[in-house]
Structure formats: C-alpha cells, structure tokens
C-alpha cells in the first residue's frame, strides 16, 4: 500500500533510537539505552504534570476531570516504561499520548470552571 521509502521512514520515526545530537551517554544500545531514554522522556514531561497538578490545586478545581487526568498520566507512564524497555514501537507511542492527554485534562480541569462563570 505504501512505498518502501515511506515504510522505511515510518519505521525510523517509531523506532525510538536516539537522535544524532543525543549525548553519547544516551546512545547505548539495547534495553539499557532504552531505559535511559525512557527516563529522559519522563524527566521532560514530569515537571509539566506537577505544574498542572499544582495549578488545579491552587485554583481549587479538584474534580473528576482532574482526577482522571492525574490517573491517566500516572497509569500511562507506568505502562510506558516496560513498553519502551522492550522496544515496542507503536503501542508505546499511543501510551505516551495517553499520558499527554492526562496532562491536557488536568489543564482543562483548572480552566473549564472559570470559563463557565463568565
């Protein structure tokens, strides 16, 4: 259905290999390298999650939407780690997006009640 060039490009994008500008310490191969890259991914998203949780708490909008968001992020990140360690490409990306959606739900939970009172 797709040309070999498109299929190869797609597999390269979903492979989870480090980019050429990645520091040499993170270019290790095998599951150790994948775990290092998974940790790096976590370190990039966790501060955003924490900020979203603090924002929800600061504005006092701890409701079902914020609980779902926090639960989705936490659960998806737990599932993401073994998927990344074992090199499962497409499902891993889907799970990462579920975690991102959890952060979006947290941000929406902090803003939606304010929009309803306008």
N, C-alpha and C. Protein backbone atom coordinates (compact mmCIF):
# COMPACT_ATOMS: atom_id res chain seq x y z
N UNK A 1 0.82 -1.18 0.00
CA UNK A 1 0.00 0.00 0.00
C UNK A 1 0.87 1.25 0.00
N UNK A 2 1.87 1.31 0.88
CA UNK A 2 2.79 2.44 0.91
C UNK A 2 4.08 2.06 0.21
N UNK A 3 4.74 3.03 -0.31
CA UNK A 3 6.01 2.77 -0.98
C UNK A 3 7.05 2.32 0.06
N UNK A 4 8.06 1.60 -0.37
CA UNK A 4 9.10 1.17 0.58
C UNK A 4 9.78 2.35 1.27
N UNK A 5 9.90 3.45 0.58
CA UNK A 5 10.54 4.63 1.16
C UNK A 5 9.72 5.18 2.33
N UNK A 6 8.40 5.24 2.17
CA UNK A 6 7.53 5.73 3.23
C UNK A 6 7.54 4.75 4.40
N UNK A 7 7.48 3.45 4.12
CA UNK A 7 7.51 2.45 5.20
C UNK A 7 8.81 2.53 5.99
N UNK A 8 9.93 2.72 5.29
CA UNK A 8 11.21 2.82 5.98
C UNK A 8 11.26 4.08 6.84
N UNK A 9 10.77 5.19 6.31
CA UNK A 9 10.75 6.44 7.08
C UNK A 9 9.87 6.29 8.31
N UNK A 10 8.72 5.64 8.16
CA UNK A 10 7.82 5.43 9.30
C UNK A 10 8.47 4.57 10.35
N UNK A 11 9.16 3.51 9.95
CA UNK A 11 9.80 2.64 10.94
C UNK A 11 10.96 3.36 11.62
N UNK A 12 11.63 4.26 10.92
CA UNK A 12 12.70 5.02 11.56
C UNK A 12 12.16 5.98 12.60
N UNK A 13 11.01 6.58 12.31
CA UNK A 13 10.41 7.53 13.25
C UNK A 13 9.92 6.83 14.51
N UNK A 14 9.38 5.65 14.36
CA UNK A 14 8.79 4.95 15.51
C UNK A 14 9.78 4.03 16.22
N UNK A 15 11.02 3.97 15.78
CA UNK A 15 11.97 3.02 16.35
C UNK A 15 12.46 3.40 17.74
N UNK A 16 12.44 4.66 18.11
CA UNK A 16 12.89 5.06 19.43
C UNK A 16 14.39 5.11 19.57
N UNK A 17 15.09 5.25 18.46
CA UNK A 17 16.54 5.38 18.54
C UNK A 17 16.90 6.82 18.86
N UNK A 18 18.05 7.04 19.47
CA UNK A 18 18.44 8.41 19.80
C UNK A 18 18.79 9.21 18.56
N UNK A 19 18.49 10.48 18.59
CA UNK A 19 18.84 11.38 17.50
C UNK A 19 20.35 11.58 17.49
N UNK A 20 20.93 11.97 16.34
CA UNK A 20 22.38 12.15 16.27
C UNK A 20 22.93 13.16 17.28
N UNK A 21 22.12 14.17 17.66
CA UNK A 21 22.60 15.16 18.61
C UNK A 21 22.48 14.71 20.07
N UNK A 22 21.98 13.49 20.29
CA UNK A 22 21.86 12.95 21.64
C UNK A 22 23.26 12.73 22.22
N UNK A 23 23.45 13.10 23.48
CA UNK A 23 24.77 12.87 24.10
C UNK A 23 25.17 11.40 24.03
N UNK A 24 26.46 11.15 23.93
CA UNK A 24 26.96 9.78 23.79
C UNK A 24 26.53 8.88 24.94
N UNK A 25 26.33 9.46 26.13
CA UNK A 25 25.94 8.65 27.28
C UNK A 25 24.55 8.05 27.09
N UNK A 26 23.73 8.65 26.22
CA UNK A 26 22.38 8.14 25.99
C UNK A 26 22.27 7.34 24.70
N UNK A 27 23.38 7.10 24.03
CA UNK A 27 23.34 6.36 22.77
C UNK A 27 23.56 4.87 22.95
N UNK A 28 23.64 4.40 24.17
CA UNK A 28 23.87 2.98 24.38
C UNK A 28 22.73 2.17 23.78
N UNK A 29 23.06 0.99 23.38
CA UNK A 29 22.08 0.14 22.69
C UNK A 29 21.43 -0.82 23.68
N UNK A 30 20.41 -1.49 23.19
CA UNK A 30 19.74 -2.48 23.99
C UNK A 30 18.79 -1.88 25.01
N UNK A 31 18.36 -2.72 25.92
CA UNK A 31 17.35 -2.26 26.88
C UNK A 31 17.90 -1.20 27.82
N UNK A 32 19.22 -1.21 28.09
CA UNK A 32 19.78 -0.18 28.97
C UNK A 32 19.64 1.20 28.33
N UNK A 33 19.94 1.29 27.06
CA UNK A 33 19.80 2.56 26.35
C UNK A 33 18.35 3.00 26.28
N UNK A 34 17.45 2.03 26.07
CA UNK A 34 16.03 2.38 26.02
C UNK A 34 15.54 2.87 27.37
N UNK A 35 16.03 2.25 28.46
CA UNK A 35 15.64 2.72 29.80
C UNK A 35 16.17 4.12 30.08
N UNK A 36 17.38 4.39 29.62
CA UNK A 36 17.92 5.75 29.80
C UNK A 36 17.08 6.77 29.03
N UNK A 37 16.69 6.42 27.81
CA UNK A 37 15.86 7.35 27.03
C UNK A 37 14.46 7.48 27.61
N UNK A 38 13.93 6.40 28.19
CA UNK A 38 12.63 6.48 28.84
C UNK A 38 12.70 7.41 30.06
N UNK A 39 13.79 7.33 30.80
CA UNK A 39 13.97 8.23 31.94
C UNK A 39 14.05 9.67 31.47
N UNK A 40 14.77 9.89 30.39
CA UNK A 40 14.87 11.25 29.84
C UNK A 40 13.50 11.78 29.42
N UNK A 41 12.70 10.92 28.82
CA UNK A 41 11.35 11.31 28.43
C UNK A 41 10.52 11.66 29.66
N UNK A 42 10.66 10.86 30.72
CA UNK A 42 9.93 11.12 31.95
C UNK A 42 10.34 12.46 32.56
N UNK A 43 11.64 12.72 32.58
CA UNK A 43 12.15 13.96 33.15
C UNK A 43 11.65 15.18 32.36
N UNK A 44 11.37 15.00 31.08
CA UNK A 44 10.85 16.10 30.26
C UNK A 44 9.37 16.36 30.53
N UNK A 45 8.59 15.32 30.84
CA UNK A 45 7.14 15.51 31.00
C UNK A 45 6.70 15.68 32.45
N UNK A 46 7.44 15.12 33.40
CA UNK A 46 7.00 15.17 34.79
C UNK A 46 6.86 16.58 35.34
N UNK A 47 7.78 17.52 35.06
CA UNK A 47 7.58 18.88 35.58
C UNK A 47 6.29 19.54 35.06
N UNK A 48 5.91 19.24 33.83
CA UNK A 48 4.66 19.79 33.29
C UNK A 48 3.47 19.19 34.05
N UNK A 49 3.54 17.89 34.33
CA UNK A 49 2.49 17.23 35.10
C UNK A 49 2.37 17.83 36.50
N UNK A 50 3.50 18.02 37.17
CA UNK A 50 3.50 18.58 38.52
C UNK A 50 2.93 20.00 38.50
N UNK A 51 3.33 20.80 37.52
CA UNK A 51 2.81 22.16 37.41
C UNK A 51 1.30 22.15 37.19
N UNK A 52 0.81 21.22 36.37
CA UNK A 52 -0.63 21.14 36.13
C UNK A 52 -1.38 20.73 37.40
N UNK A 53 -0.81 19.79 38.16
CA UNK A 53 -1.44 19.38 39.42
C UNK A 53 -1.47 20.54 40.41
N UNK A 54 -0.36 21.27 40.52
CA UNK A 54 -0.33 22.44 41.41
C UNK A 54 -1.33 23.50 40.97
N UNK A 55 -1.46 23.70 39.67
CA UNK A 55 -2.41 24.69 39.16
C UNK A 55 -3.84 24.29 39.52
N UNK A 56 -4.18 23.04 39.33
CA UNK A 56 -5.53 22.56 39.68
C UNK A 56 -5.78 22.76 41.17
N UNK A 57 -4.80 22.45 41.99
CA UNK A 57 -4.95 22.60 43.43
C UNK A 57 -5.03 24.08 43.83
N UNK A 58 -4.22 24.92 43.20
CA UNK A 58 -4.19 26.34 43.55
C UNK A 58 -5.51 27.03 43.24
N UNK A 59 -6.16 26.65 42.14
CA UNK A 59 -7.43 27.27 41.80
C UNK A 59 -8.61 26.53 42.44
N UNK A 60 -8.33 25.43 43.14
CA UNK A 60 -9.36 24.71 43.87
C UNK A 60 -10.34 23.95 43.01
N UNK A 61 -9.88 23.41 41.90
CA UNK A 61 -10.78 22.69 40.99
C UNK A 61 -10.48 21.19 40.96
N UNK A 62 -10.29 20.62 42.14
CA UNK A 62 -10.06 19.18 42.21
C UNK A 62 -11.40 18.48 42.03
N UNK A 63 -11.66 18.04 40.83
CA UNK A 63 -12.91 17.38 40.50
C UNK A 63 -12.59 16.10 39.73
N UNK A 64 -13.63 15.49 39.19
CA UNK A 64 -13.45 14.22 38.47
C UNK A 64 -12.51 14.36 37.29
N UNK A 65 -12.58 15.48 36.58
CA UNK A 65 -11.73 15.68 35.41
C UNK A 65 -10.25 15.70 35.80
N UNK A 66 -9.94 16.38 36.89
CA UNK A 66 -8.54 16.43 37.32
C UNK A 66 -8.07 15.08 37.85
N UNK A 67 -8.95 14.34 38.51
CA UNK A 67 -8.58 13.01 38.99
C UNK A 67 -8.33 12.06 37.82
N UNK A 68 -9.17 12.15 36.80
CA UNK A 68 -8.97 11.34 35.60
C UNK A 68 -7.65 11.69 34.92
N UNK A 69 -7.37 12.99 34.83
CA UNK A 69 -6.13 13.42 34.19
C UNK A 69 -4.91 12.91 34.91
N UNK A 70 -4.90 13.05 36.24
CA UNK A 70 -3.75 12.57 37.02
C UNK A 70 -3.63 11.05 36.93
N UNK A 71 -4.76 10.38 36.99
CA UNK A 71 -4.74 8.92 36.90
C UNK A 71 -4.27 8.43 35.54
N UNK A 72 -4.72 9.09 34.48
CA UNK A 72 -4.27 8.71 33.14
C UNK A 72 -2.77 8.90 32.98
N UNK A 73 -2.28 10.07 33.42
CA UNK A 73 -0.85 10.33 33.29
C UNK A 73 -0.05 9.28 34.06
N UNK A 74 -0.39 9.08 35.31
CA UNK A 74 0.37 8.16 36.16
C UNK A 74 0.32 6.74 35.60
N UNK A 75 -0.86 6.27 35.25
CA UNK A 75 -1.01 4.90 34.73
C UNK A 75 -0.29 4.72 33.41
N UNK A 76 -0.44 5.70 32.53
CA UNK A 76 0.20 5.58 31.22
C UNK A 76 1.72 5.59 31.34
N UNK A 77 2.25 6.39 32.26
CA UNK A 77 3.71 6.40 32.43
C UNK A 77 4.20 5.07 33.00
N UNK A 78 3.40 4.43 33.86
CA UNK A 78 3.78 3.11 34.37
C UNK A 78 3.81 2.07 33.25
N UNK A 79 2.85 2.16 32.34
CA UNK A 79 2.79 1.21 31.22
C UNK A 79 3.87 1.54 30.20
N UNK A 80 4.18 2.82 30.05
CA UNK A 80 5.15 3.27 29.04
C UNK A 80 6.55 2.71 29.30
N UNK A 81 6.95 2.65 30.55
CA UNK A 81 8.31 2.22 30.87
C UNK A 81 8.64 0.82 30.34
N UNK A 82 7.85 -0.21 30.64
CA UNK A 82 8.21 -1.53 30.09
C UNK A 82 8.07 -1.58 28.57
N UNK A 83 7.10 -0.83 28.02
CA UNK A 83 6.97 -0.82 26.56
C UNK A 83 8.21 -0.24 25.92
N UNK A 84 8.74 0.81 26.51
CA UNK A 84 9.97 1.42 25.96
C UNK A 84 11.16 0.48 26.18
N UNK A 85 11.24 -0.12 27.36
CA UNK A 85 12.38 -1.01 27.67
C UNK A 85 12.43 -2.20 26.73
N UNK A 86 11.27 -2.72 26.34
CA UNK A 86 11.23 -3.88 25.44
C UNK A 86 11.17 -3.49 23.97
N UNK A 87 11.16 -2.18 23.69
CA UNK A 87 11.22 -1.71 22.31
C UNK A 87 9.96 -1.91 21.52
N UNK A 88 8.79 -1.77 22.13
CA UNK A 88 7.52 -1.90 21.44
C UNK A 88 7.17 -0.53 20.83
N UNK A 89 7.25 -0.37 19.51
CA UNK A 89 7.19 0.98 18.93
C UNK A 89 5.82 1.65 18.93
N UNK A 90 4.82 1.13 18.26
CA UNK A 90 3.57 1.87 18.06
C UNK A 90 2.73 1.97 19.33
N UNK A 91 2.61 0.89 20.05
CA UNK A 91 1.84 0.92 21.29
C UNK A 91 2.46 1.88 22.30
N UNK A 92 3.79 1.93 22.32
CA UNK A 92 4.49 2.86 23.21
C UNK A 92 4.11 4.30 22.89
N UNK A 93 4.05 4.64 21.61
CA UNK A 93 3.67 6.00 21.22
C UNK A 93 2.23 6.30 21.61
N UNK A 94 1.35 5.32 21.46
CA UNK A 94 -0.04 5.51 21.87
C UNK A 94 -0.13 5.77 23.37
N UNK A 95 0.61 5.00 24.15
CA UNK A 95 0.59 5.17 25.61
C UNK A 95 1.17 6.52 26.00
N UNK A 96 2.21 6.96 25.31
CA UNK A 96 2.77 8.29 25.59
C UNK A 96 1.71 9.36 25.35
N UNK A 97 0.93 9.21 24.29
CA UNK A 97 -0.12 10.17 24.00
C UNK A 97 -1.24 10.13 25.05
N UNK A 98 -1.51 8.98 25.61
CA UNK A 98 -2.49 8.89 26.70
C UNK A 98 -1.99 9.69 27.91
N UNK A 99 -0.70 9.57 28.22
CA UNK A 99 -0.13 10.35 29.32
C UNK A 99 -0.23 11.84 29.03
N UNK A 100 0.05 12.24 27.81
CA UNK A 100 -0.06 13.64 27.43
C UNK A 100 -1.51 14.12 27.55
N UNK A 101 -2.46 13.28 27.15
CA UNK A 101 -3.87 13.61 27.28
C UNK A 101 -4.26 13.80 28.74
N UNK A 102 -3.64 13.04 29.64
CA UNK A 102 -3.88 13.22 31.07
C UNK A 102 -3.47 14.61 31.52
N UNK A 103 -2.34 15.11 31.02
CA UNK A 103 -1.92 16.46 31.36
C UNK A 103 -2.89 17.48 30.78
N UNK A 104 -3.37 17.24 29.58
CA UNK A 104 -4.36 18.15 28.97
C UNK A 104 -5.63 18.19 29.81
N UNK A 105 -6.07 17.03 30.30
CA UNK A 105 -7.26 17.01 31.17
C UNK A 105 -7.04 17.81 32.44
N UNK A 106 -5.84 17.71 33.01
CA UNK A 106 -5.54 18.49 34.21
C UNK A 106 -5.62 19.99 33.91
N UNK A 107 -5.06 20.40 32.81
CA UNK A 107 -5.10 21.82 32.45
C UNK A 107 -6.53 22.27 32.16
N UNK A 108 -7.30 21.43 31.50
CA UNK A 108 -8.71 21.76 31.26
C UNK A 108 -9.48 21.85 32.57
N UNK A 109 -9.17 20.97 33.51
CA UNK A 109 -9.86 20.99 34.80
C UNK A 109 -9.60 22.29 35.55
N UNK A 110 -8.45 22.87 35.33
CA UNK A 110 -8.14 24.13 36.02
C UNK A 110 -8.79 25.33 35.35
N UNK A 111 -9.13 25.22 34.07
CA UNK A 111 -9.65 26.37 33.31
C UNK A 111 -11.16 26.29 33.08
N UNK A 112 -11.70 25.12 32.85
CA UNK A 112 -13.11 24.99 32.47
C UNK A 112 -14.09 25.62 33.47
N UNK A 113 -13.91 25.42 34.78
CA UNK A 113 -14.85 26.09 35.71
C UNK A 113 -14.80 27.60 35.62
N UNK A 114 -13.65 28.15 35.30
CA UNK A 114 -13.54 29.61 35.15
C UNK A 114 -14.28 30.10 33.92
N UNK A 115 -14.28 29.32 32.87
CA UNK A 115 -14.99 29.72 31.65
C UNK A 115 -16.50 29.64 31.82
N UNK A 116 -16.96 28.74 32.66
CA UNK A 116 -18.39 28.61 32.90
C UNK A 116 -18.98 29.74 33.73
N UNK A 117 -18.15 30.46 34.49
CA UNK A 117 -18.64 31.54 35.35
C UNK A 117 -18.63 32.90 34.68
N UNK A 118 -18.24 32.95 33.40
CA UNK A 118 -18.15 34.24 32.71
C UNK A 118 -19.50 34.83 32.42
